[in-house]
Amino acid sequence: MKILIFTFALLLLSVFSMAEESRPQPRKPECDKRAEDGFCPKILDPVCGTDGNTYSNECALCYENKLRHTDVMIKHRGTCESV
């Protein structure tokens, strides 16, 4: 019986650790000279910022960071889900 409980506990622990790892980690946007100058392409490729705002693309997020003196990171690709 002890072995069964121990095995079940290990199984639960491994499931919870895998669930934690599957969450994407925020990452810094890749900013280039165009973003610094505000010449971002008008290509719609939305990213969700760690501030909860959706940006039209990674370049737009870089430009907003420069304008506002912030360090918003990319939470995930796509639009932010409204709560």
Protein backbone atom coordinates (compact mmCIF):
# COMPACT_ATOMS: atom_id res chain seq x y z
CA MET A 1 0.00 0.00 0.00
CA LYS A 2 2.87 2.39 0.81
CA ILE A 3 4.40 1.74 -2.59
CA LEU A 4 1.10 2.55 -4.30
CA ILE A 5 0.75 5.85 -2.41
CA PHE A 6 4.38 6.75 -3.13
CA THR A 7 3.96 5.97 -6.85
CA PHE A 8 0.75 8.02 -7.02
CA ALA A 9 2.46 10.97 -5.29
CA LEU A 10 5.34 10.84 -7.78
CA LEU A 11 2.89 10.74 -10.66
CA LEU A 12 1.05 13.82 -9.37
CA LEU A 13 4.31 15.67 -8.84
CA SER A 14 5.46 14.98 -12.39
CA VAL A 15 2.10 16.08 -13.86
CA PHE A 16 2.18 19.39 -11.97
CA SER A 17 5.79 20.09 -12.91
CA MET A 18 5.06 19.47 -16.61
CA ALA A 19 2.05 21.81 -16.46
CA GLU A 20 4.22 24.59 -15.04
CA GLU A 21 6.84 24.14 -17.77
CA SER A 22 4.25 24.31 -20.56
CA ARG A 23 3.42 27.96 -19.80
CA PRO A 24 5.31 30.24 -22.17
CA GLN A 25 7.77 32.56 -20.48
CA PRO A 26 7.73 36.26 -21.40
CA ARG A 27 10.57 37.27 -23.69
CA LYS A 28 12.20 40.52 -24.69
CA PRO A 29 11.14 41.84 -28.09
CA GLU A 30 13.79 41.92 -30.80
CA CYS A 31 14.15 45.62 -31.54
CA ASP A 32 16.06 47.03 -34.49
CA LYS A 33 16.86 50.48 -35.85
CA ARG A 34 13.44 50.77 -37.56
CA ALA A 35 11.67 50.37 -34.21
CA GLU A 36 13.88 52.99 -32.59
CA ASP A 37 13.04 55.46 -35.37
CA GLY A 38 9.33 54.58 -35.43
CA PHE A 39 9.40 53.12 -38.95
CA CYS A 40 7.58 49.89 -38.18
CA PRO A 41 6.03 47.86 -41.00
CA LYS A 42 2.26 47.91 -41.17
CA ILE A 43 2.12 44.12 -41.10
CA LEU A 44 -0.47 42.77 -38.68
CA ASP A 45 1.30 40.15 -36.56
CA PRO A 46 -0.13 40.85 -33.09
CA VAL A 47 1.74 40.20 -29.87
CA CYS A 48 0.41 40.36 -26.32
CA GLY A 49 2.53 42.45 -23.99
CA THR A 50 3.12 41.69 -20.34
CA ASP A 51 1.18 44.90 -19.64
CA GLY A 52 -1.99 43.24 -21.00
CA ASN A 53 -2.08 45.32 -24.19
CA THR A 54 -2.10 43.94 -27.72
CA TYR A 55 0.44 45.47 -30.12
CA SER A 56 0.08 45.24 -33.90
CA ASN A 57 3.53 43.64 -34.19
CA GLU A 58 6.81 43.25 -32.32
CA CYS A 59 8.22 46.45 -33.81
CA ALA A 60 5.25 48.46 -32.51
CA LEU A 61 5.89 47.08 -29.02
CA CYS A 62 9.55 48.12 -29.27
CA TYR A 63 8.57 51.61 -30.36
CA GLU A 64 6.07 52.01 -27.51
CA ASN A 65 8.73 50.84 -25.04
CA LYS A 66 11.06 53.54 -26.35
CA LEU A 67 8.42 56.28 -26.25
CA ARG A 68 7.18 55.44 -22.75
CA HIS A 69 10.55 54.40 -21.29
CA THR A 70 9.10 51.02 -20.33
CA ASP A 71 10.31 47.45 -20.60
CA VAL A 72 7.16 45.59 -21.66
CA MET A 73 7.97 42.06 -22.77
CA ILE A 74 6.11 39.71 -25.10
CA LYS A 75 3.80 37.45 -23.13
CA HIS A 76 2.75 35.47 -26.22
CA ARG A 77 2.04 35.82 -29.93
CA GLY A 78 -1.51 36.80 -30.85
CA THR A 79 -3.94 39.15 -29.17
CA CYS A 80 -4.34 39.44 -25.42
CA GLU A 81 -7.50 37.76 -24.21
CA SER A 82 -9.96 40.08 -22.54
CA VAL A 83 -10.94 39.05 -19.04
